[in-house]
N, C-alpha and C. Protein backbone atom coordinates (compact mmCIF):
# COMPACT_ATOMS: atom_id res chain seq x y z
N MET A 1 4.72 -5.41 -22.40
CA MET A 1 3.55 -5.38 -21.54
C MET A 1 3.02 -3.95 -21.47
N PRO A 2 1.74 -3.75 -21.72
CA PRO A 2 1.21 -2.38 -21.70
C PRO A 2 1.18 -1.83 -20.28
N LYS A 3 1.41 -0.54 -20.17
CA LYS A 3 1.38 0.06 -18.83
C LYS A 3 -0.05 0.23 -18.35
N ILE A 4 -0.20 0.13 -17.04
CA ILE A 4 -1.49 0.35 -16.39
C ILE A 4 -1.38 1.70 -15.69
N ILE A 5 -2.37 2.55 -15.90
CA ILE A 5 -2.38 3.89 -15.32
C ILE A 5 -3.60 4.02 -14.42
N LEU A 6 -3.36 4.24 -13.13
CA LEU A 6 -4.43 4.44 -12.17
C LEU A 6 -4.41 5.89 -11.71
N GLY A 7 -5.54 6.56 -11.84
CA GLY A 7 -5.66 7.94 -11.38
C GLY A 7 -6.51 7.97 -10.14
N PHE A 8 -5.97 8.47 -9.03
CA PHE A 8 -6.69 8.51 -7.76
C PHE A 8 -7.34 9.87 -7.54
N THR A 9 -8.62 9.83 -7.21
CA THR A 9 -9.36 11.02 -6.81
C THR A 9 -10.03 10.74 -5.48
N GLY A 10 -10.35 11.80 -4.76
CA GLY A 10 -11.01 11.64 -3.48
C GLY A 10 -10.83 12.90 -2.65
N LEU A 11 -11.65 13.00 -1.63
CA LEU A 11 -11.63 14.18 -0.78
C LEU A 11 -10.41 14.18 0.14
N ILE A 12 -10.18 15.30 0.80
CA ILE A 12 -9.03 15.51 1.66
C ILE A 12 -8.88 14.35 2.66
N ALA A 13 -7.66 13.79 2.71
CA ALA A 13 -7.28 12.76 3.68
C ALA A 13 -8.07 11.46 3.55
N CYS A 14 -8.51 11.15 2.34
CA CYS A 14 -9.27 9.90 2.12
C CYS A 14 -8.36 8.68 2.00
N GLY A 15 -7.06 8.91 1.76
CA GLY A 15 -6.13 7.79 1.63
C GLY A 15 -5.44 7.70 0.28
N LYS A 16 -5.57 8.72 -0.54
CA LYS A 16 -4.91 8.69 -1.86
C LYS A 16 -3.40 8.51 -1.74
N GLY A 17 -2.79 9.28 -0.85
CA GLY A 17 -1.34 9.21 -0.67
C GLY A 17 -0.90 7.87 -0.10
N THR A 18 -1.66 7.34 0.82
CA THR A 18 -1.36 6.04 1.41
C THR A 18 -1.45 4.94 0.35
N ALA A 19 -2.48 5.00 -0.47
CA ALA A 19 -2.64 4.03 -1.54
C ALA A 19 -1.50 4.14 -2.55
N THR A 20 -1.15 5.36 -2.89
CA THR A 20 -0.06 5.60 -3.84
C THR A 20 1.25 5.03 -3.30
N GLN A 21 1.55 5.31 -2.04
CA GLN A 21 2.80 4.83 -1.43
C GLN A 21 2.84 3.30 -1.39
N TYR A 22 1.72 2.69 -1.08
CA TYR A 22 1.66 1.22 -1.04
C TYR A 22 1.97 0.63 -2.41
N LEU A 23 1.37 1.17 -3.45
CA LEU A 23 1.60 0.65 -4.80
C LEU A 23 3.04 0.90 -5.25
N LYS A 24 3.60 2.01 -4.82
CA LYS A 24 5.00 2.32 -5.14
C LYS A 24 5.93 1.30 -4.49
N GLU A 25 5.67 1.01 -3.21
CA GLU A 25 6.53 0.09 -2.48
C GLU A 25 6.35 -1.37 -2.91
N LYS A 26 5.10 -1.81 -3.05
CA LYS A 26 4.86 -3.22 -3.34
C LYS A 26 5.03 -3.57 -4.82
N TYR A 27 4.61 -2.67 -5.71
CA TYR A 27 4.59 -2.98 -7.14
C TYR A 27 5.55 -2.13 -7.96
N GLN A 28 6.37 -1.33 -7.29
CA GLN A 28 7.32 -0.44 -7.96
C GLN A 28 6.63 0.51 -8.95
N ALA A 29 5.45 0.95 -8.59
CA ALA A 29 4.72 1.90 -9.43
C ALA A 29 5.48 3.22 -9.48
N GLU A 30 5.47 3.84 -10.63
CA GLU A 30 5.96 5.22 -10.72
C GLU A 30 4.79 6.11 -10.36
N THR A 31 5.04 7.11 -9.54
CA THR A 31 3.95 7.93 -9.04
C THR A 31 4.12 9.39 -9.43
N PHE A 32 2.99 10.01 -9.68
CA PHE A 32 2.94 11.44 -9.99
C PHE A 32 1.84 12.07 -9.15
N ARG A 33 2.08 13.29 -8.69
CA ARG A 33 1.07 14.02 -7.91
C ARG A 33 0.86 15.39 -8.53
N PHE A 34 -0.40 15.75 -8.66
CA PHE A 34 -0.70 17.09 -9.16
C PHE A 34 -0.10 18.16 -8.25
N SER A 35 -0.10 17.90 -6.96
CA SER A 35 0.38 18.93 -6.02
C SER A 35 1.89 19.13 -6.08
N THR A 36 2.64 18.21 -6.68
CA THR A 36 4.10 18.36 -6.72
C THR A 36 4.50 19.64 -7.44
N MET A 37 3.86 19.93 -8.57
CA MET A 37 4.23 21.15 -9.30
C MET A 37 3.86 22.39 -8.50
N LEU A 38 2.79 22.33 -7.72
CA LEU A 38 2.40 23.46 -6.88
C LEU A 38 3.36 23.62 -5.70
N ARG A 39 3.78 22.52 -5.12
CA ARG A 39 4.76 22.57 -4.02
C ARG A 39 6.09 23.11 -4.52
N ASP A 40 6.46 22.76 -5.75
CA ASP A 40 7.69 23.29 -6.34
C ASP A 40 7.63 24.82 -6.41
N VAL A 41 6.49 25.35 -6.84
CA VAL A 41 6.32 26.80 -6.93
C VAL A 41 6.37 27.42 -5.53
N CYS A 42 5.67 26.84 -4.58
CA CYS A 42 5.70 27.34 -3.19
C CYS A 42 7.13 27.38 -2.67
N SER A 43 7.87 26.32 -2.88
CA SER A 43 9.25 26.27 -2.39
C SER A 43 10.10 27.35 -3.05
N ARG A 44 9.96 27.48 -4.34
CA ARG A 44 10.76 28.49 -5.06
C ARG A 44 10.45 29.90 -4.58
N LEU A 45 9.21 30.14 -4.19
CA LEU A 45 8.79 31.46 -3.72
C LEU A 45 8.93 31.60 -2.20
N TYR A 46 9.50 30.59 -1.55
CA TYR A 46 9.69 30.58 -0.09
C TYR A 46 8.37 30.78 0.64
N MET A 47 7.36 30.11 0.15
CA MET A 47 6.03 30.18 0.75
C MET A 47 5.74 28.89 1.51
N GLU A 48 4.95 29.02 2.54
CA GLU A 48 4.52 27.87 3.32
C GLU A 48 3.69 26.92 2.43
N HIS A 49 3.87 25.63 2.63
CA HIS A 49 3.11 24.63 1.87
C HIS A 49 1.76 24.38 2.56
N SER A 50 0.96 25.41 2.67
CA SER A 50 -0.37 25.27 3.28
C SER A 50 -1.39 24.96 2.19
N ARG A 51 -2.50 24.37 2.58
CA ARG A 51 -3.55 24.06 1.63
C ARG A 51 -4.03 25.33 0.92
N GLU A 52 -4.12 26.42 1.66
CA GLU A 52 -4.58 27.69 1.09
C GLU A 52 -3.60 28.20 0.02
N ASN A 53 -2.30 28.14 0.28
CA ASN A 53 -1.32 28.59 -0.70
C ASN A 53 -1.32 27.70 -1.94
N LEU A 54 -1.37 26.39 -1.74
CA LEU A 54 -1.39 25.46 -2.88
C LEU A 54 -2.63 25.70 -3.74
N SER A 55 -3.76 25.90 -3.09
CA SER A 55 -5.01 26.16 -3.80
C SER A 55 -4.92 27.47 -4.59
N GLY A 56 -4.37 28.50 -3.95
CA GLY A 56 -4.25 29.80 -4.61
C GLY A 56 -3.36 29.75 -5.84
N ILE A 57 -2.22 29.08 -5.72
CA ILE A 57 -1.30 28.96 -6.86
C ILE A 57 -1.97 28.19 -7.99
N SER A 58 -2.66 27.14 -7.66
CA SER A 58 -3.38 26.36 -8.67
C SER A 58 -4.39 27.23 -9.42
N THR A 59 -5.15 27.99 -8.67
CA THR A 59 -6.18 28.84 -9.27
C THR A 59 -5.56 29.87 -10.20
N VAL A 60 -4.50 30.54 -9.75
CA VAL A 60 -3.86 31.59 -10.55
C VAL A 60 -3.25 31.00 -11.83
N LEU A 61 -2.54 29.90 -11.70
CA LEU A 61 -1.93 29.28 -12.88
C LEU A 61 -2.98 28.87 -13.91
N ARG A 62 -4.05 28.24 -13.43
CA ARG A 62 -5.08 27.77 -14.35
C ARG A 62 -5.86 28.93 -14.97
N GLU A 63 -6.08 30.00 -14.20
CA GLU A 63 -6.79 31.16 -14.75
C GLU A 63 -5.96 31.83 -15.84
N PHE A 64 -4.65 31.91 -15.65
CA PHE A 64 -3.80 32.60 -16.61
C PHE A 64 -3.46 31.73 -17.82
N PHE A 65 -3.13 30.47 -17.57
CA PHE A 65 -2.64 29.59 -18.64
C PHE A 65 -3.69 28.61 -19.17
N GLY A 66 -4.86 28.57 -18.57
CA GLY A 66 -5.91 27.67 -19.01
C GLY A 66 -6.21 26.62 -17.95
N GLN A 67 -7.47 26.25 -17.84
CA GLN A 67 -7.92 25.30 -16.82
C GLN A 67 -7.26 23.93 -16.96
N ASP A 68 -6.79 23.62 -18.16
CA ASP A 68 -6.22 22.29 -18.38
C ASP A 68 -4.69 22.28 -18.32
N LEU A 69 -4.07 23.37 -17.89
CA LEU A 69 -2.61 23.45 -17.84
C LEU A 69 -1.98 22.28 -17.10
N MET A 70 -2.40 22.07 -15.88
CA MET A 70 -1.79 21.01 -15.07
C MET A 70 -2.11 19.63 -15.63
N ALA A 71 -3.28 19.48 -16.21
CA ALA A 71 -3.68 18.20 -16.81
C ALA A 71 -2.77 17.86 -17.99
N LYS A 72 -2.44 18.84 -18.79
CA LYS A 72 -1.54 18.62 -19.93
C LYS A 72 -0.16 18.19 -19.45
N VAL A 73 0.34 18.87 -18.43
CA VAL A 73 1.66 18.54 -17.88
C VAL A 73 1.66 17.10 -17.34
N MET A 74 0.64 16.78 -16.58
CA MET A 74 0.55 15.45 -15.97
C MET A 74 0.45 14.36 -17.04
N ALA A 75 -0.39 14.56 -18.03
CA ALA A 75 -0.56 13.55 -19.08
C ALA A 75 0.75 13.35 -19.84
N LYS A 76 1.49 14.41 -20.07
CA LYS A 76 2.77 14.29 -20.77
C LYS A 76 3.78 13.51 -19.90
N ASP A 77 3.81 13.81 -18.59
CA ASP A 77 4.69 13.07 -17.69
C ASP A 77 4.35 11.58 -17.70
N VAL A 78 3.07 11.25 -17.62
CA VAL A 78 2.62 9.86 -17.61
C VAL A 78 2.95 9.19 -18.94
N GLU A 79 2.68 9.88 -20.02
CA GLU A 79 2.96 9.33 -21.35
C GLU A 79 4.45 9.02 -21.51
N ASN A 80 5.31 9.85 -20.95
CA ASN A 80 6.76 9.66 -21.08
C ASN A 80 7.31 8.59 -20.16
N SER A 81 6.54 8.16 -19.19
CA SER A 81 7.01 7.15 -18.24
C SER A 81 7.15 5.79 -18.91
N GLN A 82 8.18 5.07 -18.50
CA GLN A 82 8.42 3.71 -19.01
C GLN A 82 7.94 2.64 -18.03
N ALA A 83 7.38 3.06 -16.91
CA ALA A 83 6.94 2.12 -15.88
C ALA A 83 5.74 1.30 -16.35
N GLU A 84 5.61 0.09 -15.80
CA GLU A 84 4.47 -0.77 -16.14
C GLU A 84 3.22 -0.38 -15.36
N LEU A 85 3.42 0.14 -14.15
CA LEU A 85 2.31 0.59 -13.32
C LEU A 85 2.58 2.04 -12.93
N ILE A 86 1.62 2.90 -13.23
CA ILE A 86 1.74 4.33 -12.96
C ILE A 86 0.54 4.76 -12.14
N VAL A 87 0.80 5.55 -11.11
CA VAL A 87 -0.27 6.08 -10.27
C VAL A 87 -0.21 7.60 -10.33
N VAL A 88 -1.35 8.20 -10.65
CA VAL A 88 -1.50 9.65 -10.63
C VAL A 88 -2.37 9.99 -9.43
N ASP A 89 -1.77 10.68 -8.48
CA ASP A 89 -2.41 10.99 -7.20
C ASP A 89 -2.93 12.43 -7.22
N GLY A 90 -4.17 12.62 -6.78
CA GLY A 90 -4.68 13.97 -6.58
C GLY A 90 -5.47 14.55 -7.73
N ILE A 91 -6.21 13.74 -8.45
CA ILE A 91 -7.05 14.24 -9.53
C ILE A 91 -8.26 14.94 -8.91
N ARG A 92 -8.44 16.22 -9.25
CA ARG A 92 -9.46 17.03 -8.59
C ARG A 92 -10.61 17.45 -9.49
N ARG A 93 -10.38 17.54 -10.77
CA ARG A 93 -11.42 18.07 -11.66
C ARG A 93 -11.45 17.26 -12.96
N MET A 94 -12.56 17.36 -13.63
CA MET A 94 -12.71 16.60 -14.88
C MET A 94 -11.69 17.04 -15.93
N GLU A 95 -11.25 18.29 -15.89
CA GLU A 95 -10.19 18.73 -16.81
C GLU A 95 -8.91 17.92 -16.58
N ASP A 96 -8.68 17.51 -15.33
CA ASP A 96 -7.50 16.70 -15.01
C ASP A 96 -7.57 15.32 -15.67
N VAL A 97 -8.77 14.82 -15.84
CA VAL A 97 -8.98 13.48 -16.38
C VAL A 97 -8.94 13.48 -17.91
N LYS A 98 -9.33 14.56 -18.50
CA LYS A 98 -9.51 14.66 -19.96
C LYS A 98 -8.33 14.09 -20.75
N TYR A 99 -7.12 14.50 -20.44
CA TYR A 99 -5.95 14.07 -21.20
C TYR A 99 -5.45 12.70 -20.77
N LEU A 100 -5.76 12.30 -19.54
CA LEU A 100 -5.36 10.98 -19.07
C LEU A 100 -6.25 9.90 -19.66
N ARG A 101 -7.53 10.20 -19.85
CA ARG A 101 -8.49 9.21 -20.38
C ARG A 101 -8.12 8.74 -21.77
N VAL A 102 -7.42 9.55 -22.53
CA VAL A 102 -7.05 9.13 -23.89
C VAL A 102 -5.85 8.19 -23.90
N LEU A 103 -5.16 8.08 -22.77
CA LEU A 103 -4.03 7.15 -22.69
C LEU A 103 -4.56 5.73 -22.50
N PRO A 104 -3.96 4.76 -23.17
CA PRO A 104 -4.41 3.37 -23.04
C PRO A 104 -4.30 2.88 -21.59
N ASN A 105 -5.26 2.10 -21.17
CA ASN A 105 -5.27 1.44 -19.87
C ASN A 105 -5.34 2.40 -18.68
N PHE A 106 -5.95 3.56 -18.87
CA PHE A 106 -6.16 4.49 -17.76
C PHE A 106 -7.47 4.16 -17.06
N LYS A 107 -7.45 4.13 -15.73
CA LYS A 107 -8.66 3.93 -14.92
C LYS A 107 -8.68 4.99 -13.83
N LEU A 108 -9.83 5.66 -13.69
CA LEU A 108 -10.03 6.63 -12.63
C LEU A 108 -10.58 5.89 -11.41
N VAL A 109 -9.88 6.04 -10.27
CA VAL A 109 -10.23 5.33 -9.04
C VAL A 109 -10.61 6.36 -7.98
N SER A 110 -11.82 6.24 -7.46
CA SER A 110 -12.28 7.10 -6.38
C SER A 110 -12.03 6.40 -5.05
N ILE A 111 -11.28 7.06 -4.16
CA ILE A 111 -11.05 6.53 -2.82
C ILE A 111 -11.95 7.33 -1.88
N GLU A 112 -12.82 6.61 -1.18
CA GLU A 112 -13.85 7.26 -0.40
C GLU A 112 -13.76 6.87 1.07
N SER A 113 -14.05 7.85 1.94
CA SER A 113 -14.00 7.63 3.38
C SER A 113 -14.86 8.68 4.06
N GLU A 114 -15.43 8.32 5.19
CA GLU A 114 -16.28 9.23 5.96
C GLU A 114 -15.48 10.44 6.44
N MET A 115 -16.16 11.58 6.56
CA MET A 115 -15.51 12.83 6.91
C MET A 115 -14.81 12.78 8.26
N LYS A 116 -15.44 12.22 9.27
CA LYS A 116 -14.83 12.15 10.61
C LYS A 116 -13.54 11.31 10.60
N ILE A 117 -13.56 10.23 9.85
CA ILE A 117 -12.38 9.37 9.72
C ILE A 117 -11.27 10.15 9.02
N ARG A 118 -11.62 10.86 7.96
CA ARG A 118 -10.63 11.64 7.22
C ARG A 118 -10.02 12.73 8.10
N TYR A 119 -10.83 13.35 8.93
CA TYR A 119 -10.32 14.40 9.82
C TYR A 119 -9.30 13.82 10.80
N GLN A 120 -9.61 12.67 11.39
CA GLN A 120 -8.67 12.04 12.32
C GLN A 120 -7.36 11.67 11.63
N ARG A 121 -7.44 11.22 10.40
CA ARG A 121 -6.24 10.88 9.63
C ARG A 121 -5.42 12.12 9.33
N LEU A 122 -6.10 13.21 9.01
CA LEU A 122 -5.42 14.47 8.70
C LEU A 122 -4.58 14.94 9.88
N LEU A 123 -5.13 14.84 11.08
CA LEU A 123 -4.42 15.29 12.27
C LEU A 123 -3.15 14.48 12.54
N LYS A 124 -3.11 13.24 12.05
CA LYS A 124 -1.97 12.36 12.30
C LYS A 124 -0.87 12.50 11.25
N ARG A 125 -1.19 13.10 10.12
CA ARG A 125 -0.19 13.18 9.07
C ARG A 125 0.50 14.54 9.09
N ASP A 126 1.49 14.68 8.22
CA ASP A 126 2.27 15.91 8.16
C ASP A 126 2.49 16.30 6.69
N GLU A 127 1.42 16.27 5.91
CA GLU A 127 1.58 16.55 4.49
C GLU A 127 1.66 18.05 4.22
N ASN A 128 0.76 18.82 4.81
CA ASN A 128 0.77 20.27 4.67
C ASN A 128 1.13 20.90 6.01
N SER A 129 1.71 22.07 5.96
CA SER A 129 2.21 22.70 7.18
C SER A 129 1.11 22.99 8.19
N ASP A 130 -0.14 23.07 7.74
CA ASP A 130 -1.23 23.43 8.65
C ASP A 130 -2.13 22.25 9.02
N ASP A 131 -1.73 21.02 8.70
CA ASP A 131 -2.59 19.85 8.93
C ASP A 131 -2.78 19.52 10.41
N GLN A 132 -1.71 19.43 11.16
CA GLN A 132 -1.78 18.86 12.51
C GLN A 132 -2.52 19.74 13.52
N ASN A 133 -2.64 21.02 13.24
CA ASN A 133 -3.31 21.92 14.18
C ASN A 133 -4.69 22.35 13.69
N LYS A 134 -5.18 21.69 12.69
CA LYS A 134 -6.44 22.08 12.07
C LYS A 134 -7.62 21.71 12.96
N THR A 135 -8.54 22.65 13.13
CA THR A 135 -9.76 22.35 13.87
C THR A 135 -10.77 21.69 12.94
N TRP A 136 -11.79 21.08 13.53
CA TRP A 136 -12.88 20.47 12.75
C TRP A 136 -13.51 21.51 11.84
N GLU A 137 -13.73 22.71 12.34
CA GLU A 137 -14.34 23.78 11.55
C GLU A 137 -13.45 24.19 10.38
N GLN A 138 -12.14 24.26 10.61
CA GLN A 138 -11.21 24.59 9.53
C GLN A 138 -11.18 23.48 8.48
N PHE A 139 -11.23 22.24 8.95
CA PHE A 139 -11.26 21.09 8.04
C PHE A 139 -12.50 21.16 7.15
N GLN A 140 -13.64 21.46 7.74
CA GLN A 140 -14.87 21.61 6.96
C GLN A 140 -14.75 22.77 5.98
N ALA A 141 -14.16 23.87 6.40
CA ALA A 141 -14.00 25.04 5.53
C ALA A 141 -13.07 24.73 4.36
N ASP A 142 -12.05 23.89 4.57
CA ASP A 142 -11.14 23.52 3.49
C ASP A 142 -11.88 22.88 2.32
N HIS A 143 -12.98 22.20 2.61
CA HIS A 143 -13.75 21.55 1.56
C HIS A 143 -14.47 22.56 0.66
N GLN A 144 -14.46 23.83 1.05
CA GLN A 144 -15.10 24.89 0.25
C GLN A 144 -14.09 25.65 -0.61
N LEU A 145 -12.80 25.30 -0.53
CA LEU A 145 -11.79 25.94 -1.39
C LEU A 145 -12.09 25.58 -2.84
N GLU A 146 -11.75 26.48 -3.73
CA GLU A 146 -12.03 26.28 -5.16
C GLU A 146 -11.48 24.96 -5.67
N THR A 147 -10.30 24.60 -5.22
CA THR A 147 -9.67 23.36 -5.69
C THR A 147 -10.35 22.10 -5.16
N GLU A 148 -11.19 22.21 -4.15
CA GLU A 148 -11.86 21.05 -3.56
C GLU A 148 -13.28 20.85 -4.09
N LEU A 149 -13.89 21.91 -4.59
CA LEU A 149 -15.32 21.88 -4.95
C LEU A 149 -15.64 20.94 -6.11
N THR A 150 -14.69 20.71 -6.99
CA THR A 150 -14.96 19.90 -8.18
C THR A 150 -14.69 18.41 -7.96
N ILE A 151 -14.15 18.06 -6.80
CA ILE A 151 -13.76 16.66 -6.57
C ILE A 151 -14.97 15.72 -6.58
N LEU A 152 -16.09 16.13 -6.01
CA LEU A 152 -17.25 15.23 -5.96
C LEU A 152 -17.72 14.83 -7.36
N ASP A 153 -17.73 15.76 -8.30
CA ASP A 153 -18.11 15.42 -9.67
C ASP A 153 -17.10 14.46 -10.29
N THR A 154 -15.83 14.68 -9.99
CA THR A 154 -14.78 13.79 -10.52
C THR A 154 -14.93 12.39 -9.94
N MET A 155 -15.25 12.32 -8.64
CA MET A 155 -15.44 11.01 -8.00
C MET A 155 -16.60 10.25 -8.65
N LYS A 156 -17.64 10.96 -9.04
CA LYS A 156 -18.80 10.32 -9.69
C LYS A 156 -18.43 9.70 -11.03
N ALA A 157 -17.38 10.21 -11.67
CA ALA A 157 -16.97 9.71 -12.98
C ALA A 157 -16.00 8.54 -12.89
N ALA A 158 -15.71 8.08 -11.68
CA ALA A 158 -14.71 7.02 -11.48
C ALA A 158 -15.13 5.70 -12.10
N ASP A 159 -14.15 4.98 -12.59
CA ASP A 159 -14.35 3.63 -13.12
C ASP A 159 -14.41 2.61 -11.98
N ILE A 160 -13.72 2.92 -10.88
CA ILE A 160 -13.58 2.01 -9.76
C ILE A 160 -13.72 2.82 -8.46
N VAL A 161 -14.40 2.25 -7.46
CA VAL A 161 -14.54 2.90 -6.17
C VAL A 161 -13.92 2.00 -5.10
N ILE A 162 -13.08 2.61 -4.26
CA ILE A 162 -12.48 1.91 -3.13
C ILE A 162 -12.98 2.59 -1.86
N ASN A 163 -13.52 1.78 -0.94
CA ASN A 163 -13.95 2.32 0.35
C ASN A 163 -12.79 2.20 1.33
N ASN A 164 -12.43 3.34 1.93
CA ASN A 164 -11.30 3.35 2.85
C ASN A 164 -11.73 3.76 4.26
N ASP A 165 -12.84 3.22 4.72
CA ASP A 165 -13.28 3.46 6.09
C ASP A 165 -12.67 2.46 7.07
N GLY A 166 -12.06 1.41 6.55
CA GLY A 166 -11.54 0.35 7.41
C GLY A 166 -10.07 0.52 7.74
N SER A 167 -9.42 -0.60 7.97
CA SER A 167 -8.01 -0.61 8.37
C SER A 167 -7.10 -0.45 7.15
N LEU A 168 -5.84 -0.23 7.44
CA LEU A 168 -4.82 -0.15 6.39
C LEU A 168 -4.78 -1.47 5.60
N GLU A 169 -4.92 -2.57 6.30
CA GLU A 169 -4.90 -3.88 5.65
C GLU A 169 -6.08 -4.03 4.69
N ASP A 170 -7.24 -3.51 5.08
CA ASP A 170 -8.41 -3.55 4.20
C ASP A 170 -8.14 -2.79 2.91
N LEU A 171 -7.53 -1.61 3.04
CA LEU A 171 -7.19 -0.81 1.86
C LEU A 171 -6.20 -1.57 0.98
N GLN A 172 -5.18 -2.13 1.59
CA GLN A 172 -4.16 -2.85 0.83
C GLN A 172 -4.74 -4.04 0.07
N LYS A 173 -5.67 -4.77 0.69
CA LYS A 173 -6.31 -5.90 0.00
C LYS A 173 -7.07 -5.42 -1.23
N GLN A 174 -7.77 -4.31 -1.10
CA GLN A 174 -8.51 -3.76 -2.25
C GLN A 174 -7.55 -3.33 -3.36
N LEU A 175 -6.41 -2.76 -2.99
CA LEU A 175 -5.44 -2.32 -3.98
C LEU A 175 -4.78 -3.52 -4.67
N ASP A 176 -4.48 -4.57 -3.90
CA ASP A 176 -3.92 -5.78 -4.50
C ASP A 176 -4.88 -6.38 -5.52
N LYS A 177 -6.14 -6.42 -5.15
CA LYS A 177 -7.18 -6.95 -6.06
C LYS A 177 -7.25 -6.09 -7.33
N LEU A 178 -7.17 -4.80 -7.17
CA LEU A 178 -7.22 -3.89 -8.31
C LEU A 178 -6.06 -4.12 -9.26
N VAL A 179 -4.86 -4.22 -8.72
CA VAL A 179 -3.67 -4.40 -9.57
C VAL A 179 -3.69 -5.77 -10.25
N ASN A 180 -4.14 -6.79 -9.54
CA ASN A 180 -4.15 -8.14 -10.11
C ASN A 180 -5.32 -8.34 -11.05
């Protein structure tokens, strides 16, 4: 059976991680996140896992080793996977998609949600060290980080769009339909 590869893109706190976790639990999807390699570097350097630090490390690595560095790593990880369903979480730029698009059965999925809803979700989660105390103004400013600016163009290139303004059950129904 050929593997299905879903790449999730979307703005901060749109539900990419929630969707990824659901597919992992319900369908035993193998999951990969672009931010994992950045978090590994932060941990090794004893740095806080803040959005600013993750963004800075991403920028420096890509400037020195090439804009497609992380995309090459991710595509190789996905290619080596033996799973039937693979989810790549956190696609931010078209360079990230370039190497994944050549893999059979890859689909880029844009998860979209209103900004106010995303902000409320951010305050409830604990993904980055600075999430829970973030002000509305800081949340808006995060969207101007270099790593966030290219997401809108990537979302426009999506094969599939999922609206995540509703309940968790609404999101899960859309994901079930997508997988089936």
